[in-house]
Amino acid sequence: MDQTSDLDAAFAALSHPARRAILARLAQGEATVNELAAPFEMSLPAISKHIRVLEGANLIRRSRKAQFRPCRINPEPLAAIVQWTQEYRHIWDARFDALEAALNDMTPKGGDDDD
């Protein structure tokens, strides 16, 4: 896959809050599917589907330990996302600075006239 396809797959996988929560949990260390499913009110097959999407985007990897297949985060695609966002950071910073200036212009200046 090329970098654009990899980014598309990663952003699509990250579009769902459950998948972002799964990644957040895996950032703390590897976990089994049952451990990943514990905080959610959804079925094990539904969690497994989310895990497959994350695997398909190469955001997580699964290994085999006896009868378990623990999941762990794969940092490489996340590094590509960081790199992509850094390329646009100057644009976002400039827009936030312009927004801040506009909001400051709208704020009344001077002391308290509550007397």
PDB file of N, CA and C in Angstrom:
ATOM      1  N   MET A   1       0.841  -1.191   0.000  1.00  0.00           N
ATOM      2  CA  MET A   1       0.000   0.000   0.000  1.00  0.00           C
ATOM      3  C   MET A   1       0.878   1.245   0.000  1.00  0.00           C
ATOM      4  N   ASP A   2       0.390   2.312  -0.623  1.00  0.00           N
ATOM      5  CA  ASP A   2       1.142   3.549  -0.599  1.00  0.00           C
ATOM      6  C   ASP A   2       0.750   4.362   0.632  1.00  0.00           C
ATOM      7  N   GLN A   3       1.485   5.453   0.853  1.00  0.00           N
ATOM      8  CA  GLN A   3       1.272   6.240   2.069  1.00  0.00           C
ATOM      9  C   GLN A   3      -0.148   6.804   2.144  1.00  0.00           C
ATOM     10  N   THR A   4      -0.701   7.244   1.010  1.00  0.00           N
ATOM     11  CA  THR A   4      -2.063   7.783   1.014  1.00  0.00           C
ATOM     12  C   THR A   4      -3.070   6.715   1.428  1.00  0.00           C
ATOM     13  N   SER A   5      -2.943   5.517   0.893  1.00  0.00           N
ATOM     14  CA  SER A   5      -3.849   4.425   1.261  1.00  0.00           C
ATOM     15  C   SER A   5      -3.695   4.062   2.724  1.00  0.00           C
ATOM     16  N   ASP A   6      -2.451   4.065   3.211  1.00  0.00           N
ATOM     17  CA  ASP A   6      -2.213   3.761   4.624  1.00  0.00           C
ATOM     18  C   ASP A   6      -2.872   4.803   5.522  1.00  0.00           C
ATOM     19  N   LEU A   7      -2.719   6.081   5.162  1.00  0.00           N
ATOM     20  CA  LEU A   7      -3.350   7.148   5.947  1.00  0.00           C
ATOM     21  C   LEU A   7      -4.866   7.056   5.883  1.00  0.00           C
ATOM     22  N   ASP A   8      -5.403   6.772   4.700  1.00  0.00           N
ATOM     23  CA  ASP A   8      -6.858   6.623   4.555  1.00  0.00           C
ATOM     24  C   ASP A   8      -7.367   5.511   5.466  1.00  0.00           C
ATOM     25  N   ALA A   9      -6.683   4.377   5.458  1.00  0.00           N
ATOM     26  CA  ALA A   9      -7.096   3.239   6.288  1.00  0.00           C
ATOM     27  C   ALA A   9      -6.990   3.584   7.766  1.00  0.00           C
ATOM     28  N   ALA A  10      -5.921   4.269   8.145  1.00  0.00           N
ATOM     29  CA  ALA A  10      -5.737   4.629   9.557  1.00  0.00           C
ATOM     30  C   ALA A  10      -6.817   5.604  10.018  1.00  0.00           C
ATOM     31  N   PHE A  11      -7.065   6.655   9.225  1.00  0.00           N
ATOM     32  CA  PHE A  11      -8.090   7.624   9.614  1.00  0.00           C
ATOM     33  C   PHE A  11      -9.479   6.988   9.634  1.00  0.00           C
ATOM     34  N   ALA A  12      -9.761   6.117   8.698  1.00  0.00           N
ATOM     35  CA  ALA A  12     -11.053   5.428   8.698  1.00  0.00           C
ATOM     36  C   ALA A  12     -11.186   4.565   9.950  1.00  0.00           C
ATOM     37  N   ALA A  13     -10.132   3.868  10.309  1.00  0.00           N
ATOM     38  CA  ALA A  13     -10.175   3.026  11.510  1.00  0.00           C
ATOM     39  C   ALA A  13     -10.343   3.869  12.768  1.00  0.00           C
ATOM     40  N   LEU A  14      -9.726   5.040  12.783  1.00  0.00           N
ATOM     41  CA  LEU A  14      -9.800   5.905  13.961  1.00  0.00           C
ATOM     42  C   LEU A  14     -11.097   6.707  14.035  1.00  0.00           C
ATOM     43  N   SER A  15     -11.948   6.575  13.035  1.00  0.00           N
ATOM     44  CA  SER A  15     -13.181   7.363  13.010  1.00  0.00           C
ATOM     45  C   SER A  15     -14.209   6.891  14.027  1.00  0.00           C
ATOM     46  N   HIS A  16     -14.044   5.703  14.569  1.00  0.00           N
ATOM     47  CA  HIS A  16     -15.023   5.173  15.525  1.00  0.00           C
ATOM     48  C   HIS A  16     -14.479   5.296  16.952  1.00  0.00           C
ATOM     49  N   PRO A  17     -15.295   5.825  17.877  1.00  0.00           N
ATOM     50  CA  PRO A  17     -14.815   6.023  19.247  1.00  0.00           C
ATOM     51  C   PRO A  17     -14.398   4.730  19.952  1.00  0.00           C
ATOM     52  N   ALA A  18     -15.049   3.620  19.656  1.00  0.00           N
ATOM     53  CA  ALA A  18     -14.659   2.356  20.298  1.00  0.00           C
ATOM     54  C   ALA A  18     -13.260   1.946  19.860  1.00  0.00           C
ATOM     55  N   ARG A  19     -12.951   2.165  18.594  1.00  0.00           N
ATOM     56  CA  ARG A  19     -11.612   1.804  18.113  1.00  0.00           C
ATOM     57  C   ARG A  19     -10.552   2.732  18.704  1.00  0.00           C
ATOM     58  N   ARG A  20     -10.896   4.001  18.867  1.00  0.00           N
ATOM     59  CA  ARG A  20      -9.946   4.911  19.524  1.00  0.00           C
ATOM     60  C   ARG A  20      -9.739   4.496  20.978  1.00  0.00           C
ATOM     61  N   ALA A  21     -10.799   4.067  21.637  1.00  0.00           N
ATOM     62  CA  ALA A  21     -10.682   3.607  23.027  1.00  0.00           C
ATOM     63  C   ALA A  21      -9.841   2.332  23.109  1.00  0.00           C
ATOM     64  N   ILE A  22      -9.999   1.447  22.150  1.00  0.00           N
ATOM     65  CA  ILE A  22      -9.196   0.224  22.122  1.00  0.00           C
ATOM     66  C   ILE A  22      -7.727   0.583  21.965  1.00  0.00           C
ATOM     67  N   LEU A  23      -7.418   1.505  21.063  1.00  0.00           N
ATOM     68  CA  LEU A  23      -6.030   1.930  20.889  1.00  0.00           C
ATOM     69  C   LEU A  23      -5.486   2.580  22.154  1.00  0.00           C
ATOM     70  N   ALA A  24      -6.315   3.381  22.809  1.00  0.00           N
ATOM     71  CA  ALA A  24      -5.879   4.017  24.057  1.00  0.00           C
ATOM     72  C   ALA A  24      -5.545   2.960  25.097  1.00  0.00           C
ATOM     73  N   ARG A  25      -6.358   1.927  25.177  1.00  0.00           N
ATOM     74  CA  ARG A  25      -6.066   0.836  26.122  1.00  0.00           C
ATOM     75  C   ARG A  25      -4.775   0.123  25.746  1.00  0.00           C
ATOM     76  N   LEU A  26      -4.578  -0.126  24.453  1.00  0.00           N
ATOM     77  CA  LEU A  26      -3.370  -0.831  24.014  1.00  0.00           C
ATOM     78  C   LEU A  26      -2.113   0.019  24.170  1.00  0.00           C
ATOM     79  N   ALA A  27      -2.264   1.328  24.263  1.00  0.00           N
ATOM     80  CA  ALA A  27      -1.112   2.193  24.520  1.00  0.00           C
ATOM     81  C   ALA A  27      -0.525   1.906  25.900  1.00  0.00           C
ATOM     82  N   GLN A  28      -1.325   1.310  26.785  1.00  0.00           N
ATOM     83  CA  GLN A  28      -0.863   0.950  28.134  1.00  0.00           C
ATOM     84  C   GLN A  28      -0.174  -0.413  28.153  1.00  0.00           C
ATOM     85  N   GLY A  29      -0.325  -1.183  27.094  1.00  0.00           N
ATOM     86  CA  GLY A  29       0.277  -2.516  27.020  1.00  0.00           C
ATOM     87  C   GLY A  29      -0.654  -3.480  26.320  1.00  0.00           C
ATOM     88  N   GLU A  30      -0.112  -4.647  25.954  1.00  0.00           N
ATOM     89  CA  GLU A  30      -0.925  -5.602  25.208  1.00  0.00           C
ATOM     90  C   GLU A  30      -2.079  -6.135  26.051  1.00  0.00           C
ATOM     91  N   ALA A  31      -3.111  -6.602  25.349  1.00  0.00           N
ATOM     92  CA  ALA A  31      -4.324  -7.086  26.018  1.00  0.00           C
ATOM     93  C   ALA A  31      -5.005  -8.118  25.136  1.00  0.00           C
ATOM     94  N   THR A  32      -5.755  -8.986  25.776  1.00  0.00           N
ATOM     95  CA  THR A  32      -6.549  -9.973  25.038  1.00  0.00           C
ATOM     96  C   THR A  32      -7.850  -9.326  24.570  1.00  0.00           C
ATOM     97  N   VAL A  33      -8.545 -10.000  23.698  1.00  0.00           N
ATOM     98  CA  VAL A  33      -9.837  -9.496  23.216  1.00  0.00           C
ATOM     99  C   VAL A  33     -10.806  -9.345  24.379  1.00  0.00           C
ATOM    100  N   ASN A  34     -10.823 -10.313  25.283  1.00  0.00           N
ATOM    101  CA  ASN A  34     -11.723 -10.220  26.445  1.00  0.00           C
ATOM    102  C   ASN A  34     -11.385  -9.008  27.303  1.00  0.00           C
ATOM    103  N   GLU A  35     -10.105  -8.736  27.490  1.00  0.00           N
ATOM    104  CA  GLU A  35      -9.711  -7.558  28.277  1.00  0.00           C
ATOM    105  C   GLU A  35     -10.108  -6.271  27.562  1.00  0.00           C
ATOM    106  N   LEU A  36      -9.977  -6.264  26.242  1.00  0.00           N
ATOM    107  CA  LEU A  36     -10.362  -5.083  25.479  1.00  0.00           C
ATOM    108  C   LEU A  36     -11.867  -4.877  25.483  1.00  0.00           C
ATOM    109  N   ALA A  37     -12.614  -5.971  25.522  1.00  0.00           N
ATOM    110  CA  ALA A  37     -14.075  -5.893  25.483  1.00  0.00           C
ATOM    111  C   ALA A  37     -14.682  -5.474  26.819  1.00  0.00           C
ATOM    112  N   ALA A  38     -13.969  -5.689  27.908  1.00  0.00           N
ATOM    113  CA  ALA A  38     -14.531  -5.484  29.256  1.00  0.00           C
ATOM    114  C   ALA A  38     -15.230  -4.137  29.460  1.00  0.00           C
ATOM    115  N   PRO A  39     -14.651  -3.005  29.057  1.00  0.00           N
ATOM    116  CA  PRO A  39     -15.327  -1.736  29.362  1.00  0.00           C
ATOM    117  C   PRO A  39     -16.501  -1.388  28.454  1.00  0.00           C
ATOM    118  N   PHE A  40     -16.738  -2.176  27.433  1.00  0.00           N
ATOM    119  CA  PHE A  40     -17.779  -1.850  26.454  1.00  0.00           C
ATOM    120  C   PHE A  40     -19.051  -2.645  26.696  1.00  0.00           C
ATOM    121  N   GLU A  41     -20.156  -2.033  26.346  1.00  0.00           N
ATOM    122  CA  GLU A  41     -21.440  -2.716  26.395  1.00  0.00           C
ATOM    123  C   GLU A  41     -21.786  -3.178  24.984  1.00  0.00           C
ATOM    124  N   MET A  42     -20.935  -4.041  24.443  1.00  0.00           N
ATOM    125  CA  MET A  42     -21.196  -4.612  23.123  1.00  0.00           C
ATOM    126  C   MET A  42     -20.699  -6.050  23.133  1.00  0.00           C
ATOM    127  N   SER A  43     -21.161  -6.795  22.192  1.00  0.00           N
ATOM    128  CA  SER A  43     -20.844  -8.224  22.141  1.00  0.00           C
ATOM    129  C   SER A  43     -19.378  -8.445  21.771  1.00  0.00           C
ATOM    130  N   LEU A  44     -18.898  -9.629  22.094  1.00  0.00           N
ATOM    131  CA  LEU A  44     -17.542 -10.014  21.723  1.00  0.00           C
ATOM    132  C   LEU A  44     -17.357 -10.009  20.198  1.00  0.00           C
ATOM    133  N   PRO A  45     -18.342 -10.501  19.421  1.00  0.00           N
ATOM    134  CA  PRO A  45     -18.181 -10.406  17.967  1.00  0.00           C
ATOM    135  C   PRO A  45     -18.055  -8.959  17.466  1.00  0.00           C
ATOM    136  N   ALA A  46     -18.770  -8.039  18.092  1.00  0.00           N
ATOM    137  CA  ALA A  46     -18.674  -6.630  17.689  1.00  0.00           C
ATOM    138  C   ALA A  46     -17.282  -6.079  17.997  1.00  0.00           C
ATOM    139  N   ILE A  47     -16.759  -6.404  19.173  1.00  0.00           N
ATOM    140  CA  ILE A  47     -15.398  -5.975  19.530  1.00  0.00           C
ATOM    141  C   ILE A  47     -14.400  -6.590  18.555  1.00  0.00           C
ATOM    142  N   SER A  48     -14.605  -7.855  18.222  1.00  0.00           N
ATOM    143  CA  SER A  48     -13.709  -8.529  17.280  1.00  0.00           C
ATOM    144  C   SER A  48     -13.703  -7.840  15.921  1.00  0.00           C
ATOM    145  N   LYS A  49     -14.867  -7.351  15.491  1.00  0.00           N
ATOM    146  CA  LYS A  49     -14.929  -6.614  14.223  1.00  0.00           C
ATOM    147  C   LYS A  49     -14.096  -5.333  14.297  1.00  0.00           C
ATOM    148  N   HIS A  50     -14.208  -4.631  15.418  1.00  0.00           N
ATOM    149  CA  HIS A  50     -13.418  -3.410  15.600  1.00  0.00           C
ATOM    150  C   HIS A  50     -11.920  -3.737  15.590  1.00  0.00           C
ATOM    151  N   ILE A  51     -11.569  -4.821  16.226  1.00  0.00           N
ATOM    152  CA  ILE A  51     -10.162  -5.231  16.255  1.00  0.00           C
ATOM    153  C   ILE A  51      -9.684  -5.568  14.843  1.00  0.00           C
ATOM    154  N   ARG A  52     -10.518  -6.233  14.068  1.00  0.00           N
ATOM    155  CA  ARG A  52     -10.141  -6.563  12.686  1.00  0.00           C
ATOM    156  C   ARG A  52      -9.941  -5.300  11.840  1.00  0.00           C
ATOM    157  N   VAL A  53     -10.770  -4.289  12.075  1.00  0.00           N
ATOM    158  CA  VAL A  53     -10.596  -3.022  11.350  1.00  0.00           C
ATOM    159  C   VAL A  53      -9.256  -2.392  11.723  1.00  0.00           C
ATOM    160  N   LEU A  54      -8.939  -2.386  13.018  1.00  0.00           N
ATOM    161  CA  LEU A  54      -7.656  -1.836  13.462  1.00  0.00           C
ATOM    162  C   LEU A  54      -6.484  -2.640  12.907  1.00  0.00           C
ATOM    163  N   GLU A  55      -6.646  -3.954  12.863  1.00  0.00           N
ATOM    164  CA  GLU A  55      -5.620  -4.814  12.270  1.00  0.00           C
ATOM    165  C   GLU A  55      -5.470  -4.531  10.771  1.00  0.00           C
ATOM    166  N   GLY A  56      -6.581  -4.379  10.092  1.00  0.00           N
ATOM    167  CA  GLY A  56      -6.560  -4.102   8.662  1.00  0.00           C
ATOM    168  C   GLY A  56      -5.864  -2.797   8.332  1.00  0.00           C
ATOM    169  N   ALA A  57      -5.953  -1.840   9.246  1.00  0.00           N
ATOM    170  CA  ALA A  57      -5.279  -0.549   9.076  1.00  0.00           C
ATOM    171  C   ALA A  57      -3.849  -0.605   9.600  1.00  0.00           C
ATOM    172  N   ASN A  58      -3.433  -1.780  10.059  1.00  0.00           N
ATOM    173  CA  ASN A  58      -2.090  -2.003  10.581  1.00  0.00           C
ATOM    174  C   ASN A  58      -1.805  -1.207  11.863  1.00  0.00           C
ATOM    175  N   LEU A  59      -2.871  -0.786  12.553  1.00  0.00           N
ATOM    176  CA  LEU A  59      -2.695  -0.028  13.788  1.00  0.00           C
ATOM    177  C   LEU A  59      -2.418  -0.930  14.985  1.00  0.00           C
ATOM    178  N   ILE A  60      -2.830  -2.190  14.885  1.00  0.00           N
ATOM    179  CA  ILE A  60      -2.528  -3.147  15.945  1.00  0.00           C
ATOM    180  C   ILE A  60      -2.032  -4.441  15.315  1.00  0.00           C
ATOM    181  N   ARG A  61      -1.366  -5.220  16.143  1.00  0.00           N
ATOM    182  CA  ARG A  61      -0.889  -6.544  15.737  1.00  0.00           C
ATOM    183  C   ARG A  61      -1.329  -7.543  16.792  1.00  0.00           C
ATOM    184  N   ARG A  62      -1.498  -8.777  16.342  1.00  0.00           N
ATOM    185  CA  ARG A  62      -1.867  -9.851  17.269  1.00  0.00           C
ATOM    186  C   ARG A  62      -0.777 -10.906  17.218  1.00  0.00           C
ATOM    187  N   SER A  63      -0.458 -11.433  18.387  1.00  0.00           N
ATOM    188  CA  SER A  63       0.522 -12.511  18.470  1.00  0.00           C
ATOM    189  C   SER A  63      -0.172 -13.737  19.045  1.00  0.00           C
ATOM    190  N   ARG A  64       0.552 -14.803  19.180  1.00  0.00           N
ATOM    191  CA  ARG A  64      -0.027 -16.024  19.735  1.00  0.00           C
ATOM    192  C   ARG A  64       0.780 -16.420  20.969  1.00  0.00           C
ATOM    193  N   LYS A  65       0.083 -16.531  22.089  1.00  0.00           N
ATOM    194  CA  LYS A  65       0.670 -17.006  23.335  1.00  0.00           C
ATOM    195  C   LYS A  65      -0.236 -18.108  23.860  1.00  0.00           C
ATOM    196  N   ALA A  66       0.198 -19.329  23.658  1.00  0.00           N
ATOM    197  CA  ALA A  66      -0.623 -20.501  24.015  1.00  0.00           C
ATOM    198  C   ALA A  66      -1.962 -20.390  23.298  1.00  0.00           C
ATOM    199  N   GLN A  67      -3.084 -20.423  24.048  1.00  0.00           N
ATOM    200  CA  GLN A  67      -4.395 -20.334  23.403  1.00  0.00           C
ATOM    201  C   GLN A  67      -4.853 -18.884  23.234  1.00  0.00           C
ATOM    202  N   PHE A  68      -4.066 -17.928  23.682  1.00  0.00           N
ATOM    203  CA  PHE A  68      -4.450 -16.514  23.607  1.00  0.00           C
ATOM    204  C   PHE A  68      -3.809 -15.851  22.401  1.00  0.00           C
ATOM    205  N   ARG A  69      -4.493 -14.815  21.901  1.00  0.00           N
ATOM    206  CA  ARG A  69      -3.952 -14.001  20.815  1.00  0.00           C
ATOM    207  C   ARG A  69      -3.988 -12.542  21.249  1.00  0.00           C
ATOM    208  N   PRO A  70      -3.050 -12.153  22.116  1.00  0.00           N
ATOM    209  CA  PRO A  70      -3.066 -10.775  22.605  1.00  0.00           C
ATOM    210  C   PRO A  70      -2.804  -9.760  21.493  1.00  0.00           C
ATOM    211  N   CYS A  71      -3.378  -8.585  21.680  1.00  0.00           N
ATOM    212  CA  CYS A  71      -3.216  -7.491  20.733  1.00  0.00           C
ATOM    213  C   CYS A  71      -2.217  -6.497  21.316  1.00  0.00           C
ATOM    214  N   ARG A  72      -1.478  -5.849  20.415  1.00  0.00           N
ATOM    215  CA  ARG A  72      -0.595  -4.772  20.855  1.00  0.00           C
ATOM    216  C   ARG A  72      -0.620  -3.679  19.790  1.00  0.00           C
ATOM    217  N   ILE A  73      -0.324  -2.501  20.211  1.00  0.00           N
ATOM    218  CA  ILE A  73      -0.363  -1.357  19.303  1.00  0.00           C
ATOM    219  C   ILE A  73       0.848  -1.405  18.368  1.00  0.00           C
ATOM    220  N   ASN A  74       0.658  -0.960  17.149  1.00  0.00           N
ATOM    221  CA  ASN A  74       1.737  -0.842  16.172  1.00  0.00           C
ATOM    222  C   ASN A  74       1.992   0.653  15.976  1.00  0.00           C
ATOM    223  N   PRO A  75       3.090   1.178  16.480  1.00  0.00           N
ATOM    224  CA  PRO A  75       3.296   2.632  16.451  1.00  0.00           C
ATOM    225  C   PRO A  75       3.628   3.213  15.086  1.00  0.00           C
ATOM    226  N   GLU A  76       4.055   2.409  14.128  1.00  0.00           N
ATOM    227  CA  GLU A  76       4.503   2.948  12.838  1.00  0.00           C
ATOM    228  C   GLU A  76       3.420   3.743  12.098  1.00  0.00           C
ATOM    229  N   PRO A  77       2.207   3.210  11.937  1.00  0.00           N
ATOM    230  CA  PRO A  77       1.176   4.014  11.247  1.00  0.00           C
ATOM    231  C   PRO A  77       0.804   5.269  12.033  1.00  0.00           C
ATOM    232  N   LEU A  78       0.879   5.211  13.344  1.00  0.00           N
ATOM    233  CA  LEU A  78       0.579   6.396  14.152  1.00  0.00           C
ATOM    234  C   LEU A  78       1.638   7.469  13.913  1.00  0.00           C
ATOM    235  N   ALA A  79       2.886   7.061  13.737  1.00  0.00           N
ATOM    236  CA  ALA A  79       3.952   8.015  13.426  1.00  0.00           C
ATOM    237  C   ALA A  79       3.691   8.687  12.083  1.00  0.00           C
ATOM    238  N   ALA A  80       3.163   7.942  11.117  1.00  0.00           N
ATOM    239  CA  ALA A  80       2.829   8.519   9.809  1.00  0.00           C
ATOM    240  C   ALA A  80       1.716   9.557   9.945  1.00  0.00           C
ATOM    241  N   ILE A  81       0.751   9.293  10.823  1.00  0.00           N
ATOM    242  CA  ILE A  81      -0.331  10.262  11.066  1.00  0.00           C
ATOM    243  C   ILE A  81       0.239  11.534  11.685  1.00  0.00           C
ATOM    244  N   VAL A  82       1.121  11.378  12.647  1.00  0.00           N
ATOM    245  CA  VAL A  82       1.752  12.542  13.290  1.00  0.00           C
ATOM    246  C   VAL A  82       2.505  13.361  12.250  1.00  0.00           C
ATOM    247  N   GLN A  83       3.260  12.698  11.401  1.00  0.00           N
ATOM    248  CA  GLN A  83       4.018  13.391  10.364  1.00  0.00           C
ATOM    249  C   GLN A  83       3.078  14.152   9.430  1.00  0.00           C
ATOM    250  N   TRP A  84       1.992  13.507   9.028  1.00  0.00           N
ATOM    251  CA  TRP A  84       1.030  14.157   8.143  1.00  0.00           C
ATOM    252  C   TRP A  84       0.418  15.385   8.805  1.00  0.00           C
ATOM    253  N   THR A  85       0.026  15.270  10.070  1.00  0.00           N
ATOM    254  CA  THR A  85      -0.593  16.408  10.758  1.00  0.00           C
ATOM    255  C   THR A  85       0.402  17.537  10.983  1.00  0.00           C
ATOM    256  N   GLN A  86       1.673  17.205  11.198  1.00  0.00           N
ATOM    257  CA  GLN A  86       2.683  18.245  11.402  1.00  0.00           C
ATOM    258  C   GLN A  86       2.853  19.110  10.150  1.00  0.00           C
ATOM    259  N   GLU A  87       2.640  18.510   8.978  1.00  0.00           N
ATOM    260  CA  GLU A  87       2.756  19.273   7.735  1.00  0.00           C
ATOM    261  C   GLU A  87       1.710  20.383   7.649  1.00  0.00           C
ATOM    262  N   TYR A  88       0.609  20.238   8.364  1.00  0.00           N
ATOM    263  CA  TYR A  88      -0.482  21.213   8.319  1.00  0.00           C
ATOM    264  C   TYR A  88      -0.591  22.036   9.596  1.00  0.00           C
ATOM    265  N   ARG A  89       0.267  21.782  10.540  1.00  0.00           N
ATOM    266  CA  ARG A  89       0.177  22.460  11.829  1.00  0.00           C
ATOM    267  C   ARG A  89       0.282  23.973  11.694  1.00  0.00           C
ATOM    268  N   HIS A  90       1.168  24.463  10.847  1.00  0.00           N
ATOM    269  CA  HIS A  90       1.334  25.912  10.695  1.00  0.00           C
ATOM    270  C   HIS A  90       0.036  26.571  10.230  1.00  0.00           C
ATOM    271  N   ILE A  91      -0.733  25.877   9.401  1.00  0.00           N
ATOM    272  CA  ILE A  91      -2.015  26.421   8.938  1.00  0.00           C
ATOM    273  C   ILE A  91      -2.991  26.507  10.110  1.00  0.00           C
ATOM    274  N   TRP A  92      -3.068  25.422  10.888  1.00  0.00           N
ATOM    275  CA  TRP A  92      -3.995  25.416  12.019  1.00  0.00           C
ATOM    276  C   TRP A  92      -3.594  26.456  13.059  1.00  0.00           C
ATOM    277  N   ASP A  93      -2.293  26.566  13.333  1.00  0.00           N
ATOM    278  CA  ASP A  93      -1.827  27.557  14.303  1.00  0.00           C
ATOM    279  C   ASP A  93      -2.197  28.962  13.859  1.00  0.00           C
ATOM    280  N   ALA A  94      -2.015  29.270  12.577  1.00  0.00           N
ATOM    281  CA  ALA A  94      -2.350  30.601  12.058  1.00  0.00           C
ATOM    282  C   ALA A  94      -3.849  30.865  12.185  1.00  0.00           C
ATOM    283  N   ARG A  95      -4.657  29.857  11.913  1.00  0.00           N
ATOM    284  CA  ARG A  95      -6.113  30.052  12.010  1.00  0.00           C
ATOM    285  C   ARG A  95      -6.564  30.214  13.454  1.00  0.00           C
ATOM    286  N   PHE A  96      -5.949  29.466  14.356  1.00  0.00           N
ATOM    287  CA  PHE A  96      -6.292  29.631  15.772  1.00  0.00           C
ATOM    288  C   PHE A  96      -5.847  31.008  16.275  1.00  0.00           C
ATOM    289  N   ASP A  97      -4.681  31.478  15.819  1.00  0.00           N
ATOM    290  CA  ASP A  97      -4.223  32.815  16.202  1.00  0.00           C
ATOM    291  C   ASP A  97      -5.189  33.877  15.680  1.00  0.00           C
ATOM    292  N   ALA A  98      -5.665  33.721  14.439  1.00  0.00           N
ATOM    293  CA  ALA A  98      -6.628  34.674  13.870  1.00  0.00           C
ATOM    294  C   ALA A  98      -7.941  34.640  14.642  1.00  0.00           C
ATOM    295  N   LEU A  99      -8.389  33.453  15.024  1.00  0.00           N
ATOM    296  CA  LEU A  99      -9.610  33.333  15.817  1.00  0.00           C
ATOM    297  C   LEU A  99      -9.446  34.013  17.164  1.00  0.00           C
ATOM    298  N   GLU A 100      -8.313  33.793  17.797  1.00  0.00           N
ATOM    299  CA  GLU A 100      -8.057  34.422  19.095  1.00  0.00           C
ATOM    300  C   GLU A 100      -8.067  35.946  18.967  1.00  0.00           C
ATOM    301  N   ALA A 101      -7.433  36.464  17.918  1.00  0.00           N
ATOM    302  CA  ALA A 101      -7.410  37.912  17.706  1.00  0.00           C
ATOM    303  C   ALA A 101      -8.826  38.444  17.482  1.00  0.00           C
ATOM    304  N   ALA A 102      -9.629  37.737  16.704  1.00  0.00           N
ATOM    305  CA  ALA A 102     -11.005  38.169  16.453  1.00  0.00           C
ATOM    306  C   ALA A 102     -11.826  38.154  17.740  1.00  0.00           C
ATOM    307  N   LEU A 103     -11.646  37.121  18.541  1.00  0.00           N
ATOM    308  CA  LEU A 103     -12.379  37.062  19.811  1.00  0.00           C
ATOM    309  C   LEU A 103     -11.937  38.166  20.756  1.00  0.00           C
ATOM    310  N   ASN A 104     -10.638  38.461  20.767  1.00  0.00           N
ATOM    311  CA  ASN A 104     -10.144  39.558  21.605  1.00  0.00           C
ATOM    312  C   ASN A 104     -10.704  40.897  21.157  1.00  0.00           C
ATOM    313  N   ASP A 105     -10.872  41.084  19.849  1.00  0.00           N
ATOM    314  CA  ASP A 105     -11.456  42.326  19.331  1.00  0.00           C
ATOM    315  C   ASP A 105     -12.914  42.468  19.737  1.00  0.00           C
ATOM    316  N   MET A 106     -13.600  41.360  19.922  1.00  0.00           N
ATOM    317  CA  MET A 106     -15.013  41.378  20.296  1.00  0.00           C
ATOM    318  C   MET A 106     -15.213  41.573  21.795  1.00  0.00           C
ATOM    319  N   THR A 107     -14.174  41.339  22.582  1.00  0.00           N
ATOM    320  CA  THR A 107     -14.269  41.449  24.034  1.00  0.00           C
ATOM    321  C   THR A 107     -14.155  42.909  24.445  1.00  0.00           C
ATOM    322  N   PRO A 108     -15.105  43.397  25.266  1.00  0.00           N
ATOM    323  CA  PRO A 108     -15.022  44.790  25.707  1.00  0.00           C
ATOM    324  C   PRO A 108     -13.749  45.040  26.505  1.00  0.00           C
ATOM    325  N   LYS A 109     -13.115  46.160  26.208  1.00  0.00           N
ATOM    326  CA  LYS A 109     -11.886  46.530  26.911  1.00  0.00           C
ATOM    327  C   LYS A 109     -12.223  47.520  28.010  1.00  0.00           C
ATOM    328  N   GLY A 110     -11.349  47.616  28.991  1.00  0.00           N
ATOM    329  CA  GLY A 110     -11.542  48.603  30.043  1.00  0.00           C
ATOM    330  C   GLY A 110     -11.869  47.955  31.363  1.00  0.00           C
ATOM    331  N   GLY A 111     -12.130  48.783  32.349  1.00  0.00           N
ATOM    332  CA  GLY A 111     -12.388  48.307  33.705  1.00  0.00           C
ATOM    333  C   GLY A 111     -13.817  47.865  33.877  1.00  0.00           C
ATOM    334  N   ASP A 112     -14.101  47.426  35.087  1.00  0.00           N
ATOM    335  CA  ASP A 112     -15.463  47.006  35.429  1.00  0.00           C
ATOM    336  C   ASP A 112     -16.328  48.214  35.656  1.00  0.00           C
ATOM    337  N   ASP A 113     -17.429  48.304  34.963  1.00  0.00           N
ATOM    338  CA  ASP A 113     -18.378  49.405  35.117  1.00  0.00           C
ATOM    339  C   ASP A 113     -19.630  48.945  35.805  1.00  0.00           C
ATOM    340  N   ASP A 114     -19.491  48.065  36.800  1.00  0.00           N
ATOM    341  CA  ASP A 114     -20.650  47.503  37.463  1.00  0.00           C
ATOM    342  C   ASP A 114     -21.220  48.419  38.540  1.00  0.00           C
ATOM    343  N   ASP A 115     -20.594  49.552  38.814  1.00  0.00           N
ATOM    344  CA  ASP A 115     -21.070  50.407  39.900  1.00  0.00           C
ATOM    345  C   ASP A 115     -22.312  51.142  39.567  1.00  0.00           C
TER     346      ASP A 115
END
